[in-house]
Amino acid sequence: MKTLHKIKRGEEAIIREIKQDSNLANSLLEQGFVPGTKVSLLIHGFLGGPSAYLMRGSKIALRKEEAEAIFIWKILLSSSS
């Protein structure tokens, strides 16, 4: 399964599920990363730093391990491109 970490700038993903055995699951769900939500990549982290994502009009930074705990359904071209 593809994870959110794999999307590229200008692409949009639909969240499929959050990895449940992850210690991050509750935190990600509380931040709004829930199945069916569209997310797009704004900025890929530099030298392993956090990446910035756009979700429901909010910009949210996630570390690589957080983004890898979010499984996605599919990748679409962003409507803002």
N, C-alpha and C. Protein backbone atom coordinates (compact mmCIF):
# COMPACT_ATOMS: atom_id res chain seq x y z
N MET A 1 0.84 -1.19 0.00
CA MET A 1 0.00 0.00 0.00
C MET A 1 0.88 1.25 0.00
N LYS A 2 0.44 2.26 -0.71
CA LYS A 2 1.18 3.52 -0.74
C LYS A 2 0.88 4.33 0.51
N THR A 3 1.89 5.10 0.91
CA THR A 3 1.71 5.98 2.07
C THR A 3 1.75 7.44 1.63
N LEU A 4 1.31 8.31 2.52
CA LEU A 4 1.29 9.74 2.22
C LEU A 4 2.68 10.27 1.92
N HIS A 5 3.69 9.68 2.50
CA HIS A 5 5.07 10.12 2.27
C HIS A 5 5.48 10.00 0.81
N LYS A 6 4.81 9.14 0.05
CA LYS A 6 5.19 8.88 -1.35
C LYS A 6 4.61 9.87 -2.36
N ILE A 7 3.68 10.75 -1.95
CA ILE A 7 3.12 11.66 -2.95
C ILE A 7 4.12 12.77 -3.28
N LYS A 8 3.94 13.32 -4.46
CA LYS A 8 4.82 14.38 -4.94
C LYS A 8 4.07 15.71 -4.91
N ARG A 9 4.83 16.76 -4.99
CA ARG A 9 4.24 18.10 -5.03
C ARG A 9 3.30 18.21 -6.22
N GLY A 10 2.11 18.75 -6.00
CA GLY A 10 1.14 18.87 -7.07
C GLY A 10 0.20 17.68 -7.17
N GLU A 11 0.38 16.69 -6.31
CA GLU A 11 -0.51 15.53 -6.30
C GLU A 11 -1.41 15.59 -5.07
N GLU A 12 -2.52 14.92 -5.19
CA GLU A 12 -3.51 14.89 -4.12
C GLU A 12 -3.83 13.43 -3.81
N ALA A 13 -3.93 13.10 -2.53
CA ALA A 13 -4.21 11.73 -2.12
C ALA A 13 -5.48 11.68 -1.27
N ILE A 14 -6.12 10.54 -1.31
CA ILE A 14 -7.28 10.27 -0.45
C ILE A 14 -6.80 9.33 0.65
N ILE A 15 -7.00 9.71 1.90
CA ILE A 15 -6.56 8.86 3.00
C ILE A 15 -7.40 7.60 3.05
N ARG A 16 -6.71 6.48 3.10
CA ARG A 16 -7.37 5.17 3.17
C ARG A 16 -7.51 4.73 4.62
N GLU A 17 -6.41 4.76 5.36
CA GLU A 17 -6.43 4.36 6.77
C GLU A 17 -5.16 4.81 7.46
N ILE A 18 -5.19 4.79 8.78
CA ILE A 18 -4.04 5.10 9.59
C ILE A 18 -3.51 3.79 10.15
N LYS A 19 -2.22 3.61 10.09
CA LYS A 19 -1.61 2.38 10.61
C LYS A 19 -1.93 2.26 12.10
N GLN A 20 -2.71 1.27 12.46
CA GLN A 20 -3.21 1.15 13.83
C GLN A 20 -2.18 0.72 14.85
N ASP A 21 -1.16 0.00 14.45
CA ASP A 21 -0.15 -0.40 15.42
C ASP A 21 0.89 0.69 15.64
N SER A 22 0.64 1.84 15.07
CA SER A 22 1.54 2.99 15.21
C SER A 22 1.21 3.76 16.48
N ASN A 23 2.25 4.21 17.19
CA ASN A 23 2.05 5.06 18.37
C ASN A 23 1.47 6.41 17.96
N LEU A 24 1.55 6.72 16.68
CA LEU A 24 1.10 8.01 16.17
C LEU A 24 -0.38 8.04 15.80
N ALA A 25 -1.03 6.89 15.77
CA ALA A 25 -2.39 6.79 15.23
C ALA A 25 -3.36 7.77 15.88
N ASN A 26 -3.41 7.82 17.19
CA ASN A 26 -4.36 8.73 17.86
C ASN A 26 -4.06 10.18 17.56
N SER A 27 -2.79 10.54 17.56
CA SER A 27 -2.40 11.92 17.28
C SER A 27 -2.80 12.32 15.86
N LEU A 28 -2.56 11.45 14.90
CA LEU A 28 -2.91 11.75 13.51
C LEU A 28 -4.42 11.88 13.34
N LEU A 29 -5.17 11.00 13.97
CA LEU A 29 -6.64 11.07 13.89
C LEU A 29 -7.16 12.36 14.52
N GLU A 30 -6.57 12.76 15.65
CA GLU A 30 -6.98 14.01 16.31
C GLU A 30 -6.66 15.24 15.46
N GLN A 31 -5.63 15.15 14.63
CA GLN A 31 -5.26 16.27 13.75
C GLN A 31 -6.16 16.33 12.51
N GLY A 32 -7.02 15.32 12.33
CA GLY A 32 -7.93 15.33 11.20
C GLY A 32 -7.57 14.40 10.07
N PHE A 33 -6.53 13.61 10.22
CA PHE A 33 -6.14 12.66 9.18
C PHE A 33 -7.04 11.43 9.29
N VAL A 34 -8.22 11.54 8.70
CA VAL A 34 -9.22 10.47 8.78
C VAL A 34 -9.51 9.94 7.37
N PRO A 35 -9.91 8.68 7.29
CA PRO A 35 -10.21 8.09 5.98
C PRO A 35 -11.20 8.93 5.18
N GLY A 36 -10.91 9.05 3.87
CA GLY A 36 -11.76 9.79 2.96
C GLY A 36 -11.36 11.24 2.77
N THR A 37 -10.42 11.73 3.57
CA THR A 37 -9.99 13.12 3.50
C THR A 37 -8.94 13.30 2.41
N LYS A 38 -9.05 14.40 1.64
CA LYS A 38 -8.06 14.72 0.61
C LYS A 38 -6.89 15.46 1.25
N VAL A 39 -5.69 15.11 0.82
CA VAL A 39 -4.47 15.75 1.31
C VAL A 39 -3.55 15.98 0.11
N SER A 40 -2.89 17.12 0.07
CA SER A 40 -1.90 17.37 -0.98
C SER A 40 -0.59 17.82 -0.35
N LEU A 41 0.49 17.57 -1.06
CA LEU A 41 1.82 17.95 -0.59
C LEU A 41 2.12 19.37 -1.03
N LEU A 42 2.52 20.21 -0.08
CA LEU A 42 2.93 21.58 -0.39
C LEU A 42 4.44 21.67 -0.55
N ILE A 43 5.17 21.16 0.44
CA ILE A 43 6.63 21.25 0.45
C ILE A 43 7.20 19.95 1.01
N HIS A 44 8.13 19.35 0.26
CA HIS A 44 8.80 18.14 0.76
C HIS A 44 9.93 18.57 1.68
N GLY A 45 10.05 17.90 2.82
CA GLY A 45 11.07 18.25 3.81
C GLY A 45 12.48 18.22 3.25
N PHE A 46 13.28 19.16 3.68
CA PHE A 46 14.67 19.28 3.25
C PHE A 46 15.57 18.49 4.20
N LEU A 47 16.41 17.63 3.65
CA LEU A 47 17.35 16.82 4.44
C LEU A 47 16.65 16.03 5.55
N GLY A 48 15.51 15.43 5.22
CA GLY A 48 14.81 14.59 6.18
C GLY A 48 13.92 15.35 7.15
N GLY A 49 13.80 16.64 6.98
CA GLY A 49 12.95 17.44 7.86
C GLY A 49 11.47 17.22 7.53
N PRO A 50 10.58 17.83 8.31
CA PRO A 50 9.15 17.66 8.08
C PRO A 50 8.70 18.18 6.71
N SER A 51 7.66 17.56 6.18
CA SER A 51 7.03 18.00 4.94
C SER A 51 5.74 18.71 5.29
N ALA A 52 5.33 19.66 4.46
CA ALA A 52 4.09 20.41 4.70
C ALA A 52 2.99 19.89 3.78
N TYR A 53 1.83 19.63 4.37
CA TYR A 53 0.68 19.12 3.63
C TYR A 53 -0.49 20.08 3.79
N LEU A 54 -1.37 20.09 2.80
CA LEU A 54 -2.59 20.89 2.85
C LEU A 54 -3.77 19.93 2.97
N MET A 55 -4.58 20.16 4.02
CA MET A 55 -5.73 19.31 4.26
C MET A 55 -6.85 20.19 4.81
N ARG A 56 -7.99 20.19 4.11
CA ARG A 56 -9.16 20.97 4.53
C ARG A 56 -8.81 22.43 4.78
N GLY A 57 -7.95 22.99 3.96
CA GLY A 57 -7.60 24.40 4.07
C GLY A 57 -6.54 24.72 5.11
N SER A 58 -6.03 23.71 5.81
CA SER A 58 -5.00 23.92 6.83
C SER A 58 -3.67 23.33 6.38
N LYS A 59 -2.60 24.02 6.73
CA LYS A 59 -1.25 23.52 6.44
C LYS A 59 -0.76 22.79 7.68
N ILE A 60 -0.29 21.55 7.48
CA ILE A 60 0.16 20.72 8.60
C ILE A 60 1.50 20.10 8.24
N ALA A 61 2.47 20.20 9.15
CA ALA A 61 3.79 19.61 8.94
C ALA A 61 3.83 18.23 9.58
N LEU A 62 4.35 17.26 8.83
CA LEU A 62 4.49 15.89 9.34
C LEU A 62 5.91 15.41 9.10
N ARG A 63 6.44 14.68 10.07
CA ARG A 63 7.73 14.01 9.88
C ARG A 63 7.51 12.79 8.99
N LYS A 64 8.59 12.27 8.44
CA LYS A 64 8.53 11.12 7.54
C LYS A 64 7.80 9.95 8.20
N GLU A 65 8.13 9.63 9.44
CA GLU A 65 7.51 8.49 10.11
C GLU A 65 6.00 8.69 10.33
N GLU A 66 5.57 9.94 10.48
CA GLU A 66 4.14 10.21 10.60
C GLU A 66 3.45 10.00 9.25
N ALA A 67 4.04 10.54 8.20
CA ALA A 67 3.45 10.41 6.85
C ALA A 67 3.43 8.95 6.39
N GLU A 68 4.40 8.15 6.85
CA GLU A 68 4.44 6.74 6.48
C GLU A 68 3.39 5.91 7.23
N ALA A 69 2.78 6.47 8.25
CA ALA A 69 1.72 5.77 8.99
C ALA A 69 0.34 6.04 8.39
N ILE A 70 0.29 6.86 7.32
CA ILE A 70 -0.98 7.21 6.66
C ILE A 70 -1.02 6.53 5.30
N PHE A 71 -1.91 5.56 5.16
CA PHE A 71 -2.06 4.85 3.89
C PHE A 71 -3.08 5.58 3.03
N ILE A 72 -2.82 5.62 1.72
CA ILE A 72 -3.69 6.37 0.81
C ILE A 72 -4.32 5.45 -0.21
N TRP A 73 -5.51 5.85 -0.68
CA TRP A 73 -6.23 5.10 -1.71
C TRP A 73 -5.62 5.29 -3.08
N LYS A 74 -5.45 6.57 -3.44
CA LYS A 74 -4.99 6.86 -4.79
C LYS A 74 -4.37 8.24 -4.83
N ILE A 75 -3.68 8.50 -5.90
CA ILE A 75 -3.06 9.80 -6.09
C ILE A 75 -3.70 10.45 -7.32
N LEU A 76 -4.09 11.69 -7.16
CA LEU A 76 -4.72 12.46 -8.23
C LEU A 76 -3.89 13.71 -8.48
N LEU A 77 -4.04 14.28 -9.65
CA LEU A 77 -3.45 15.59 -9.88
C LEU A 77 -4.26 16.60 -9.08
N SER A 78 -3.59 17.47 -8.38
CA SER A 78 -4.26 18.46 -7.57
C SER A 78 -5.03 19.42 -8.46
N SER A 79 -6.20 19.85 -8.01
CA SER A 79 -7.02 20.78 -8.78
C SER A 79 -6.43 22.17 -8.83
N SER A 80 -5.46 22.46 -7.92
CA SER A 80 -4.84 23.78 -7.92
C SER A 80 -3.65 23.86 -8.85
N SER A 81 -3.26 22.76 -9.50
CA SER A 81 -2.11 22.77 -10.41
C SER A 81 -2.48 23.32 -11.76
